[in-house]
Amino acid sequence: MGIKGFQGTSLLDFPGRIASLVFFGGCNLTCPFCHNPSLVLTPEDHPDYPPQVLLGELAERRAFIDGAVVSGGEPTLDPELPGFLRQIKALGLLVKLDTNGLAPDMLASLIDEELLDYVALDVKTAPSRYGELHRAPVDLDLLPRSVQLLKSSALDYEFRTTCVPGFVEESDIRALGELLTGGRRWVLQQFVPQHSLALPLRKITSHPPAKLHQMAAIARDHVAEVKLRGIE
């Protein structure tokens, strides 16, 4: 666990904002298509980034950044996350959280304390298939709790699905749609195979854009806004 990396600025990860990216190691899933495999499988290979050094660098960047994107791995597994976010907020910066939604109690506490300004909740595949995403059992009650937390909150958010062939097909979008019905925003993004955790997935071909558009048409029956990301 702990902060494992700190990068420059990004326009893409915080909608309409310029943000620095902070990465946490460790995860409660081992998705075969994960694009940060070393943070998931061997976080100990990455030295911890001292939080006070990172906060000092964020303070220096306040003149040209709007906030910080906290990603991973899975940052909600770290019990030190709330304290770290309090210090970011004290700098006057916005906070976006990337999460898989499998730690709803932590997510609820962060929302209640108003430590978040935007959440991107990854919904990976049909809920019944989540057992395919980990090397240990997955509690299927956790994701719906996080989904409902966001749907019932005033916080801005998106549900996000990477459309991986074999893991995300039209039937999976329909199943996810049942879970996400009434949600604010659902982003379907193109799969980039090169850095997948599972080596065989690095050689597959991504869905053609036309198929993502078909999936988006299904998704629009369930949420207020659907966006496609990573295709022309």
Protein backbone atom coordinates (compact mmCIF):
# COMPACT_ATOMS: atom_id res chain seq x y z
CA MET A 1 0.00 0.00 0.00
CA GLY A 2 1.01 3.65 0.19
CA ILE A 3 1.67 6.30 -2.44
CA LYS A 4 3.70 4.68 -5.19
CA GLY A 5 3.95 7.35 -7.85
CA PHE A 6 3.42 10.97 -8.71
CA GLN A 7 3.16 12.37 -12.20
CA GLY A 8 2.87 15.72 -13.89
CA THR A 9 -0.33 17.28 -15.12
CA SER A 10 -3.21 15.93 -17.14
CA LEU A 11 -6.21 17.43 -18.90
CA LEU A 12 -7.91 14.07 -19.38
CA ASP A 13 -8.39 12.61 -15.93
CA PHE A 14 -10.26 15.51 -14.33
CA PRO A 15 -12.99 16.77 -16.68
CA GLY A 16 -12.32 20.34 -17.72
CA ARG A 17 -9.44 20.72 -15.26
CA ILE A 18 -5.66 20.45 -15.10
CA ALA A 19 -4.62 17.99 -12.40
CA SER A 20 -1.61 16.15 -11.03
CA LEU A 21 -1.87 12.36 -10.75
CA VAL A 22 -1.11 10.39 -7.59
CA PHE A 23 -0.93 6.57 -7.63
CA PHE A 24 -1.50 4.15 -4.74
CA GLY A 25 -0.24 0.57 -4.76
CA GLY A 26 -2.24 -2.58 -4.08
CA CYS A 27 -5.70 -3.61 -5.24
CA ASN A 28 -8.58 -5.89 -4.25
CA LEU A 29 -8.94 -7.06 -7.85
CA THR A 30 -6.49 -8.56 -10.33
CA CYS A 31 -8.30 -7.71 -13.55
CA PRO A 32 -6.64 -9.44 -16.50
CA PHE A 33 -6.93 -6.21 -18.48
CA CYS A 34 -5.51 -3.92 -15.78
CA HIS A 35 -3.17 -1.33 -17.32
CA ASN A 36 -1.12 -0.81 -14.12
CA PRO A 37 -0.16 -4.44 -13.37
CA SER A 38 2.93 -3.76 -11.29
CA LEU A 39 0.97 -1.53 -8.91
CA VAL A 40 -1.45 -4.42 -8.42
CA LEU A 41 0.82 -7.47 -8.39
CA THR A 42 4.09 -6.17 -6.95
CA PRO A 43 3.48 -2.78 -5.28
CA GLU A 44 6.49 -3.49 -3.03
CA ASP A 45 8.70 -3.03 -6.10
CA HIS A 46 7.77 0.66 -6.11
CA PRO A 47 9.19 2.72 -3.25
CA ASP A 48 6.71 4.76 -1.26
CA TYR A 49 6.56 8.41 -2.21
CA PRO A 50 6.80 10.52 0.98
CA PRO A 51 3.40 12.23 1.42
CA GLN A 52 4.88 15.45 2.77
CA VAL A 53 7.21 15.74 -0.22
CA LEU A 54 4.30 15.16 -2.56
CA LEU A 55 2.14 17.72 -0.75
CA GLY A 56 4.98 20.22 -1.00
CA GLU A 57 5.16 19.68 -4.76
CA LEU A 58 1.40 20.08 -5.07
CA ALA A 59 1.62 23.33 -3.12
CA GLU A 60 4.24 24.60 -5.57
CA ARG A 61 1.95 23.72 -8.51
CA ARG A 62 -1.14 25.50 -7.19
CA ALA A 63 -0.59 28.38 -9.60
CA PHE A 64 -1.26 26.18 -12.62
CA ILE A 65 -3.20 23.10 -11.47
CA ASP A 66 -6.80 22.81 -10.29
CA GLY A 67 -6.55 19.58 -8.37
CA ALA A 68 -5.22 16.06 -7.93
CA VAL A 69 -6.40 12.75 -9.36
CA VAL A 70 -5.94 9.92 -6.87
CA SER A 71 -5.72 6.56 -8.61
CA GLY A 72 -4.03 3.19 -8.36
CA GLY A 73 -4.08 0.33 -7.76
CA GLU A 74 -7.03 0.95 -5.46
CA PRO A 75 -6.57 3.98 -3.19
CA THR A 76 -9.60 3.27 -0.99
CA LEU A 77 -7.77 0.31 0.56
CA ASP A 78 -5.31 2.63 2.31
CA PRO A 79 -6.55 3.69 5.77
CA GLU A 80 -4.38 6.82 5.48
CA LEU A 81 -6.32 8.05 2.45
CA PRO A 82 -8.75 10.37 4.31
CA GLY A 83 -5.94 12.17 6.12
CA PHE A 84 -4.01 12.57 2.89
CA LEU A 85 -7.04 14.00 1.09
CA ARG A 86 -7.67 16.43 3.95
CA GLN A 87 -4.20 17.85 3.36
CA ILE A 88 -4.81 18.16 -0.39
CA LYS A 89 -8.09 19.97 0.25
CA ALA A 90 -6.32 22.26 2.73
CA LEU A 91 -4.17 23.41 -0.20
CA GLY A 92 -7.33 24.60 -1.92
CA LEU A 93 -7.14 21.88 -4.58
CA LEU A 94 -9.94 19.76 -6.02
CA VAL A 95 -9.82 15.97 -5.64
CA LYS A 96 -10.89 13.33 -8.15
CA LEU A 97 -10.93 9.69 -7.02
CA ASP A 98 -10.58 6.69 -9.32
CA THR A 99 -12.02 3.59 -7.63
CA ASN A 100 -13.40 0.15 -8.37
CA GLY A 101 -16.17 0.66 -5.81
CA LEU A 102 -15.37 -2.40 -3.70
CA ALA A 103 -14.75 -0.39 -0.51
CA PRO A 104 -18.13 1.35 -0.08
CA ASP A 105 -17.58 2.20 3.60
CA MET A 106 -14.45 4.19 2.77
CA LEU A 107 -16.20 5.83 -0.17
CA ALA A 108 -19.13 6.82 2.05
CA SER A 109 -16.84 8.38 4.65
CA LEU A 110 -14.98 10.40 2.00
CA ILE A 111 -18.27 11.68 0.59
CA ASP A 112 -19.66 12.50 4.03
CA GLU A 113 -16.53 14.47 4.91
CA GLU A 114 -16.70 16.32 1.57
CA LEU A 115 -13.18 15.28 0.61
CA LEU A 116 -14.10 14.50 -3.00
CA ASP A 117 -15.11 16.71 -5.91
CA TYR A 118 -15.43 14.03 -8.59
CA VAL A 119 -15.47 10.22 -8.61
CA ALA A 120 -14.82 7.87 -11.52
CA LEU A 121 -16.18 4.48 -10.50
CA ASP A 122 -14.99 1.65 -12.72
CA VAL A 123 -17.70 -0.87 -13.48
CA LYS A 124 -15.74 -3.66 -15.07
CA THR A 125 -18.23 -6.12 -16.55
CA ALA A 126 -21.58 -7.69 -15.75
CA PRO A 127 -21.84 -7.92 -11.94
CA SER A 128 -22.29 -11.69 -12.09
CA ARG A 129 -18.89 -11.98 -13.82
CA TYR A 130 -16.82 -10.20 -11.17
CA GLY A 131 -15.44 -13.54 -10.02
CA GLU A 132 -13.45 -13.56 -13.28
CA LEU A 133 -11.60 -10.41 -12.18
CA HIS A 134 -9.76 -11.70 -9.14
CA ARG A 135 -7.75 -14.62 -7.84
CA ALA A 136 -9.92 -14.76 -4.72
CA PRO A 137 -13.69 -14.51 -4.19
CA VAL A 138 -15.31 -11.10 -4.72
CA ASP A 139 -18.17 -9.92 -2.49
CA LEU A 140 -20.86 -9.07 -5.04
CA ASP A 141 -22.76 -6.88 -2.57
CA LEU A 142 -20.03 -4.22 -2.43
CA LEU A 143 -20.26 -2.71 -5.91
CA PRO A 144 -24.04 -2.03 -5.80
CA ARG A 145 -23.57 -0.21 -2.49
CA SER A 146 -21.01 2.16 -4.03
CA VAL A 147 -23.16 2.68 -7.13
CA GLN A 148 -26.11 3.64 -4.95
CA LEU A 149 -23.94 5.97 -2.87
CA LEU A 150 -23.05 7.96 -5.97
CA LYS A 151 -26.53 7.93 -7.45
CA SER A 152 -27.98 9.31 -4.21
CA SER A 153 -25.30 11.93 -3.61
CA ALA A 154 -24.91 15.48 -4.91
CA LEU A 155 -21.31 14.68 -5.89
CA ASP A 156 -20.34 14.84 -9.55
CA TYR A 157 -19.30 11.44 -10.89
CA GLU A 158 -19.05 9.04 -13.78
CA PHE A 159 -19.37 5.31 -14.10
CA ARG A 160 -16.63 4.06 -16.39
CA THR A 161 -16.31 0.84 -18.37
CA THR A 162 -13.30 -0.21 -20.41
CA CYS A 163 -14.73 -2.24 -23.28
CA VAL A 164 -12.46 -5.28 -23.30
CA PRO A 165 -13.34 -7.96 -25.89
CA GLY A 166 -14.53 -11.09 -24.13
CA PHE A 167 -15.14 -9.24 -20.87
CA VAL A 168 -17.41 -6.46 -22.10
CA GLU A 169 -19.88 -7.39 -24.81
CA GLU A 170 -23.37 -6.06 -25.46
CA SER A 171 -24.88 -8.54 -22.98
CA ASP A 172 -22.54 -7.22 -20.26
CA ILE A 173 -23.54 -3.63 -21.01
CA ARG A 174 -27.20 -4.62 -20.64
CA ALA A 175 -26.47 -6.28 -17.29
CA LEU A 176 -24.51 -3.27 -16.09
CA GLY A 177 -27.27 -1.00 -17.31
CA GLU A 178 -29.67 -2.61 -14.86
CA LEU A 179 -27.29 -1.74 -12.02
CA LEU A 180 -26.61 1.81 -13.23
CA THR A 181 -30.16 2.81 -14.19
CA GLY A 182 -30.87 6.34 -13.08
CA GLY A 183 -27.19 7.28 -12.97
CA ARG A 184 -25.79 10.59 -14.15
CA ARG A 185 -22.99 9.68 -16.53
CA TRP A 186 -21.53 6.50 -18.05
CA VAL A 187 -18.26 6.58 -19.96
CA LEU A 188 -17.40 3.71 -22.31
CA GLN A 189 -13.74 3.74 -23.18
CA GLN A 190 -11.65 1.91 -25.72
CA PHE A 191 -9.40 -0.89 -24.53
CA VAL A 192 -5.66 -0.47 -25.14
CA PRO A 193 -4.15 -3.96 -24.95
CA GLN A 194 -0.41 -3.32 -24.78
CA HIS A 195 0.05 -3.14 -20.99
CA SER A 196 -2.55 -5.66 -19.82
CA LEU A 197 -1.85 -7.67 -16.69
CA ALA A 198 -2.63 -10.93 -18.52
CA LEU A 199 -0.12 -11.48 -21.30
CA PRO A 200 -2.61 -13.09 -23.76
CA LEU A 201 -4.73 -9.93 -23.67
CA ARG A 202 -1.82 -7.87 -24.94
CA LYS A 203 -2.24 -9.53 -28.32
CA ILE A 204 -5.98 -9.17 -28.85
CA THR A 205 -7.66 -6.62 -31.09
CA SER A 206 -9.82 -3.94 -29.49
CA HIS A 207 -13.49 -3.64 -30.35
CA PRO A 208 -14.06 -1.62 -33.54
CA PRO A 209 -15.50 1.86 -32.96
CA ALA A 210 -18.82 0.82 -34.48
CA LYS A 211 -19.30 -1.76 -31.73
CA LEU A 212 -18.62 0.81 -29.02
CA HIS A 213 -21.27 3.03 -30.59
CA GLN A 214 -23.70 0.09 -30.43
CA MET A 215 -22.88 -0.39 -26.75
CA ALA A 216 -23.38 3.32 -26.15
CA ALA A 217 -26.85 3.10 -27.67
CA ILE A 218 -27.72 0.37 -25.15
CA ALA A 219 -26.24 2.38 -22.28
CA ARG A 220 -28.33 5.45 -23.17
CA ASP A 221 -31.45 3.56 -22.15
CA HIS A 222 -30.22 3.58 -18.56
CA VAL A 223 -28.35 6.79 -17.67
CA ALA A 224 -28.70 10.51 -18.36
CA GLU A 225 -25.45 10.90 -20.31
CA VAL A 226 -23.19 8.48 -22.19
CA LYS A 227 -19.73 9.37 -23.46
CA LEU A 228 -17.29 7.47 -25.61
CA ARG A 229 -13.59 7.87 -24.85
CA GLY A 230 -10.56 6.76 -26.82
CA ILE A 231 -12.16 6.50 -30.26
CA GLU A 232 -12.52 9.02 -33.07
